[in-house]
Amino acid sequence: MATGFGGEVATYYARHRRGYPPAVVDALAAAFRLGGDDTVVDLGCGTGQLSLPLADRVGAVIGVDPEPDMLAIARRAAVDRGTANATWVLGSDSDVPALSRLLGRGKVGALTVAVAIHFMDRASLFEAARPLLRPGGGIAVVTNGEPLWTQDTEWSLTLRGCLERMLGHPVTGRCQTDEAGRRRNREALVGAGYRYEETSVRYEAPLTVNDMVGGVFSAMSAERLPSSRQRAAFAADVRDALGGVDVVTEPVVVRLQYGIAGQGVGSG
């Protein structure tokens, strides 16, 4: 798991990526019966969009990410909001076996992977996580809506056209948020011996052009981030193509796929 989301990309991520409404945290807490005695590992935690609201519901959260800049922002955000039960660890999915040895078997209520599973080896991760999990706990793979440039709306089509003009090639990447990606998650969870469940949270929310543009740049690696002049030109192109509209409505579907651990998983 190596993302290249450091430097300015991490800042774009923190400022412009959509967070998670309380209903998503409620769904996670209900699926794994999370409470004040539980520890949650948020793998690929980024700048803490899911880690921090989860910390309000459990005893401790361990945010794990391979990008130091992401973790530095998450740590600052935790301090700013007074969150004292979050720990930030530089690491990736390949470090999960070491976490199991460090924390002990059966000590984790949930391992969450939000908008990062496409960077990971699903089969190896889901198998390696089994000793960590207490009975009734499990893994949650969370997809936070569709990429901004692939949605079935007029503004998304306009954004994609501007993005393709800037990059000079078609843009089709969906970050495995589509049905094919969810099927891979489901099959890997079932194959690793988890009981599978899924749910979703749907809502609509305003999306500013600044967040639209920043969200695009948050999905690029630092090496591929356009120059500051190109970024400014892209923002102007998007605003012009949208006819001066500054805020649109984004329909968001947060999909949650659960792999629930059975009795004896944590001690196996």
Protein backbone atom coordinates (compact mmCIF):
# COMPACT_ATOMS: atom_id res chain seq x y z
CA MET A 1 0.00 0.00 0.00
CA ALA A 2 1.78 3.13 -1.27
CA THR A 3 -0.31 6.11 -2.30
CA GLY A 4 2.03 9.05 -2.90
CA PHE A 5 -0.56 11.36 -1.27
CA GLY A 6 1.96 13.60 0.48
CA GLY A 7 2.77 17.30 0.36
CA GLU A 8 0.09 19.53 -1.14
CA VAL A 9 -2.09 16.52 -1.95
CA ALA A 10 -2.52 15.81 1.77
CA THR A 11 -3.64 19.41 2.29
CA TYR A 12 -6.17 19.15 -0.53
CA TYR A 13 -7.40 15.90 1.03
CA ALA A 14 -7.94 17.46 4.45
CA ARG A 15 -9.62 20.61 3.13
CA HIS A 16 -11.81 19.26 0.36
CA ARG A 17 -12.68 15.58 0.90
CA ARG A 18 -16.17 15.00 2.21
CA GLY A 19 -16.35 13.58 5.71
CA TYR A 20 -18.90 11.15 7.15
CA PRO A 21 -22.31 12.05 8.61
CA PRO A 22 -23.29 10.65 12.04
CA ALA A 23 -25.48 8.00 10.37
CA VAL A 24 -22.36 6.29 9.00
CA VAL A 25 -20.72 6.08 12.41
CA ASP A 26 -24.04 4.87 13.85
CA ALA A 27 -24.12 2.08 11.24
CA LEU A 28 -20.55 1.01 12.03
CA ALA A 29 -21.21 1.03 15.76
CA ALA A 30 -24.36 -1.06 15.33
CA ALA A 31 -22.77 -3.60 12.97
CA PHE A 32 -19.97 -4.48 15.41
CA ARG A 33 -21.65 -3.48 18.70
CA LEU A 34 -18.90 -0.95 19.31
CA GLY A 35 -18.65 0.69 22.70
CA GLY A 36 -16.37 2.43 25.13
CA ASP A 37 -14.23 -0.66 25.72
CA ASP A 38 -13.42 -1.16 22.03
CA THR A 39 -10.37 -0.31 19.98
CA VAL A 40 -10.82 0.42 16.26
CA VAL A 41 -8.02 0.30 13.69
CA ASP A 42 -8.65 2.70 10.78
CA LEU A 43 -6.36 1.45 8.01
CA GLY A 44 -5.51 3.99 5.32
CA CYS A 45 -6.88 6.66 7.65
CA GLY A 46 -5.72 9.64 5.58
CA THR A 47 -6.27 12.86 7.50
CA GLY A 48 -8.73 11.30 9.92
CA GLN A 49 -12.11 11.85 8.26
CA LEU A 50 -13.45 8.59 9.68
CA SER A 51 -10.99 8.03 12.54
CA LEU A 52 -11.95 11.15 14.45
CA PRO A 53 -15.75 10.68 14.56
CA LEU A 54 -15.19 7.02 15.44
CA ALA A 55 -13.03 8.12 18.37
CA ASP A 56 -16.11 9.74 19.91
CA ARG A 57 -17.81 6.34 20.07
CA VAL A 58 -15.08 3.92 21.24
CA GLY A 59 -12.28 3.61 23.74
CA ALA A 60 -9.43 4.14 21.30
CA VAL A 61 -8.75 4.55 17.60
CA ILE A 62 -5.49 3.66 15.88
CA GLY A 63 -5.16 5.50 12.57
CA VAL A 64 -2.69 3.84 10.20
CA ASP A 65 -1.44 5.41 6.97
CA PRO A 66 1.73 5.21 4.82
CA GLU A 67 1.91 8.99 4.32
CA PRO A 68 3.55 11.02 7.11
CA ASP A 69 1.94 14.25 5.85
CA MET A 70 -1.52 12.70 6.14
CA LEU A 71 -0.83 11.58 9.69
CA ALA A 72 0.59 14.98 10.69
CA ILE A 73 -2.64 16.66 9.57
CA ALA A 74 -4.75 14.03 11.33
CA ARG A 75 -2.81 14.53 14.54
CA ARG A 76 -3.31 18.31 14.40
CA ALA A 77 -7.02 17.85 13.72
CA ALA A 78 -7.29 15.55 16.75
CA VAL A 79 -5.62 18.14 18.97
CA ASP A 80 -7.83 20.92 17.61
CA ARG A 81 -11.03 19.00 18.39
CA GLY A 82 -9.79 17.75 21.75
CA THR A 83 -9.62 14.09 20.78
CA ALA A 84 -7.28 12.37 23.22
CA ASN A 85 -7.95 8.70 22.42
CA ALA A 86 -6.53 8.55 18.87
CA THR A 87 -3.08 7.24 18.04
CA TRP A 88 -1.44 7.72 14.63
CA VAL A 89 0.84 5.04 13.20
CA LEU A 90 2.95 5.13 10.04
CA GLY A 91 2.23 1.85 8.28
CA SER A 92 0.18 -0.05 5.73
CA ASP A 93 -1.85 -3.22 5.25
CA SER A 94 1.36 -5.26 5.35
CA ASP A 95 1.81 -4.18 8.99
CA VAL A 96 -1.45 -5.73 10.22
CA PRO A 97 0.25 -8.97 11.38
CA ALA A 98 2.62 -6.88 13.51
CA LEU A 99 -0.35 -4.99 14.96
CA SER A 100 -1.87 -8.31 15.96
CA ARG A 101 1.28 -9.24 17.87
CA LEU A 102 1.47 -5.78 19.45
CA LEU A 103 -2.16 -5.46 20.55
CA GLY A 104 -2.84 -9.11 21.27
CA ARG A 105 -5.40 -11.46 19.77
CA GLY A 106 -9.06 -10.64 19.93
CA LYS A 107 -8.52 -7.07 21.13
CA VAL A 108 -10.00 -5.04 18.25
CA GLY A 109 -13.69 -4.31 17.74
CA ALA A 110 -13.35 -3.25 14.11
CA LEU A 111 -10.84 -2.65 11.36
CA THR A 112 -12.11 -0.02 8.95
CA VAL A 113 -10.83 0.69 5.43
CA ALA A 114 -12.41 3.82 3.96
CA VAL A 115 -11.71 4.84 0.34
CA ALA A 116 -8.39 2.98 0.37
CA ILE A 117 -9.09 -0.69 -0.30
CA HIS A 118 -7.99 -0.39 -3.96
CA PHE A 119 -4.43 0.20 -2.70
CA MET A 120 -4.40 -3.04 -0.68
CA ASP A 121 -4.13 -6.79 -1.13
CA ARG A 122 -7.62 -7.74 0.02
CA ALA A 123 -7.11 -11.47 0.49
CA SER A 124 -3.92 -11.09 2.53
CA LEU A 125 -5.32 -8.23 4.60
CA PHE A 126 -8.60 -9.90 5.48
CA GLU A 127 -6.83 -13.09 6.52
CA ALA A 128 -4.18 -11.22 8.53
CA ALA A 129 -6.84 -9.22 10.38
CA ARG A 130 -8.62 -12.27 11.76
CA PRO A 131 -6.47 -12.72 14.90
CA LEU A 132 -6.93 -9.06 15.82
CA LEU A 133 -10.72 -9.16 15.95
CA ARG A 134 -12.92 -10.01 18.89
CA PRO A 135 -15.98 -12.20 18.25
CA GLY A 136 -18.72 -10.05 16.75
CA GLY A 137 -16.22 -7.48 15.59
CA GLY A 138 -14.97 -7.38 12.05
CA ILE A 139 -13.87 -5.49 8.98
CA ALA A 140 -15.73 -2.60 7.36
CA VAL A 141 -14.90 -1.50 3.83
CA VAL A 142 -16.41 1.95 3.31
CA THR A 143 -16.95 3.65 -0.07
CA ASN A 144 -17.69 7.35 0.39
CA GLY A 145 -19.72 8.06 -2.72
CA GLU A 146 -18.62 8.03 -6.35
CA PRO A 147 -15.61 9.95 -7.66
CA LEU A 148 -16.63 13.50 -8.47
CA TRP A 149 -15.87 13.04 -12.17
CA THR A 150 -17.93 9.84 -12.70
CA GLN A 151 -21.32 10.77 -11.26
CA ASP A 152 -24.55 10.82 -13.23
CA THR A 153 -25.13 14.56 -13.02
CA GLU A 154 -24.67 17.46 -15.41
CA TRP A 155 -22.04 19.11 -13.21
CA SER A 156 -20.02 15.87 -12.99
CA LEU A 157 -20.03 15.49 -16.77
CA THR A 158 -18.85 19.09 -17.06
CA LEU A 159 -16.10 18.50 -14.49
CA ARG A 160 -14.92 15.40 -16.35
CA GLY A 161 -14.66 17.35 -19.60
CA CYS A 162 -12.52 20.01 -17.93
CA LEU A 163 -10.35 17.35 -16.29
CA GLU A 164 -9.79 15.57 -19.58
CA ARG A 165 -8.81 18.85 -21.24
CA MET A 166 -6.25 19.50 -18.51
CA LEU A 167 -4.79 15.98 -18.57
CA GLY A 168 -5.04 15.45 -22.32
CA HIS A 169 -6.61 11.98 -22.10
CA PRO A 170 -9.92 10.32 -21.16
CA VAL A 171 -10.62 9.90 -17.45
CA THR A 172 -12.34 6.64 -16.53
CA GLY A 173 -10.86 5.73 -13.14
CA ARG A 174 -13.48 4.89 -10.51
CA CYS A 175 -11.12 3.91 -7.66
CA GLN A 176 -12.99 0.56 -7.51
CA THR A 177 -16.10 2.26 -6.11
CA ASP A 178 -18.31 0.54 -8.69
CA GLU A 179 -20.13 -2.79 -8.47
CA ALA A 180 -17.09 -4.69 -9.72
CA GLY A 181 -14.99 -3.27 -6.90
CA ARG A 182 -17.64 -4.02 -4.29
CA ARG A 183 -17.92 -7.57 -5.63
CA ARG A 184 -14.18 -8.03 -5.12
CA ASN A 185 -14.56 -6.84 -1.53
CA ARG A 186 -17.50 -9.17 -0.91
CA GLU A 187 -15.81 -12.22 -2.41
CA ALA A 188 -12.59 -11.60 -0.48
CA LEU A 189 -14.42 -11.19 2.82
CA VAL A 190 -16.44 -14.36 2.30
CA GLY A 191 -13.34 -16.19 1.12
CA ALA A 192 -11.53 -15.23 4.32
CA GLY A 193 -14.32 -16.75 6.42
CA TYR A 194 -16.26 -13.69 7.51
CA ARG A 195 -20.04 -13.43 7.65
CA TYR A 196 -20.94 -10.83 5.05
CA GLU A 197 -23.42 -7.97 5.43
CA GLU A 198 -23.82 -4.61 3.74
CA THR A 199 -25.76 -1.41 4.09
CA SER A 200 -25.67 2.15 2.80
CA VAL A 201 -26.33 5.70 3.90
CA ARG A 202 -27.77 8.08 1.31
CA TYR A 203 -28.02 11.82 1.49
CA GLU A 204 -27.63 15.00 -0.54
CA ALA A 205 -25.22 17.78 0.34
CA PRO A 206 -23.92 21.02 -1.15
CA LEU A 207 -20.65 20.88 -3.06
CA THR A 208 -18.79 24.10 -3.74
CA VAL A 209 -16.66 24.54 -6.84
CA ASN A 210 -13.63 24.99 -4.56
CA ASP A 211 -14.31 21.59 -3.00
CA MET A 212 -14.98 20.07 -6.42
CA VAL A 213 -11.64 21.29 -7.77
CA GLY A 214 -9.78 20.49 -4.56
CA GLY A 215 -11.34 17.05 -4.48
CA VAL A 216 -9.91 16.33 -7.93
CA PHE A 217 -6.41 17.33 -6.84
CA SER A 218 -6.74 15.28 -3.63
CA ALA A 219 -7.05 12.16 -5.81
CA MET A 220 -3.73 12.72 -7.61
CA SER A 221 -0.35 11.55 -6.42
CA ALA A 222 2.12 14.29 -5.52
CA GLU A 223 4.21 13.38 -8.55
CA ARG A 224 1.28 13.90 -10.92
CA LEU A 225 -0.12 17.05 -9.36
CA PRO A 226 -0.22 19.79 -12.03
CA SER A 227 1.72 23.00 -11.58
CA SER A 228 0.12 25.83 -9.63
CA ARG A 229 -0.53 27.67 -12.91
CA GLN A 230 -2.25 24.60 -14.41
CA ARG A 231 -4.34 24.18 -11.28
CA ALA A 232 -5.49 27.79 -11.41
CA ALA A 233 -6.36 27.45 -15.09
CA PHE A 234 -8.31 24.27 -14.37
CA ALA A 235 -10.31 25.97 -11.61
CA ALA A 236 -11.14 28.85 -13.95
CA ASP A 237 -12.14 26.41 -16.70
CA VAL A 238 -14.50 24.56 -14.32
CA ARG A 239 -16.13 27.78 -13.15
CA ASP A 240 -16.56 29.01 -16.71
CA ALA A 241 -17.96 25.64 -17.89
CA LEU A 242 -20.47 25.66 -15.03
CA GLY A 243 -21.69 29.09 -16.06
CA GLY A 244 -20.63 30.83 -12.87
CA VAL A 245 -22.46 28.43 -10.56
CA ASP A 246 -20.56 28.23 -7.27
CA VAL A 247 -22.50 25.49 -5.46
CA VAL A 248 -24.11 22.31 -6.78
CA THR A 249 -25.88 19.43 -5.05
CA GLU A 250 -24.06 16.11 -4.75
CA PRO A 251 -26.07 12.92 -4.17
CA VAL A 252 -23.86 10.83 -1.87
CA VAL A 253 -24.18 7.10 -1.28
CA VAL A 254 -21.88 5.80 1.45
CA ARG A 255 -21.66 2.03 1.05
CA LEU A 256 -20.57 -0.11 3.98
CA GLN A 257 -19.50 -3.72 3.45
CA TYR A 258 -19.01 -5.74 6.62
CA GLY A 259 -17.09 -8.90 7.30
CA ILE A 260 -18.20 -10.04 10.75
CA ALA A 261 -15.96 -12.29 12.81
CA GLY A 262 -17.45 -15.38 14.39
CA GLN A 263 -16.78 -16.98 17.74
CA GLY A 264 -13.17 -18.01 18.16
CA VAL A 265 -11.78 -15.82 15.38
CA GLY A 266 -9.75 -13.64 17.71
CA SER A 267 -8.11 -16.59 19.41
CA GLY A 268 -7.43 -18.63 16.28
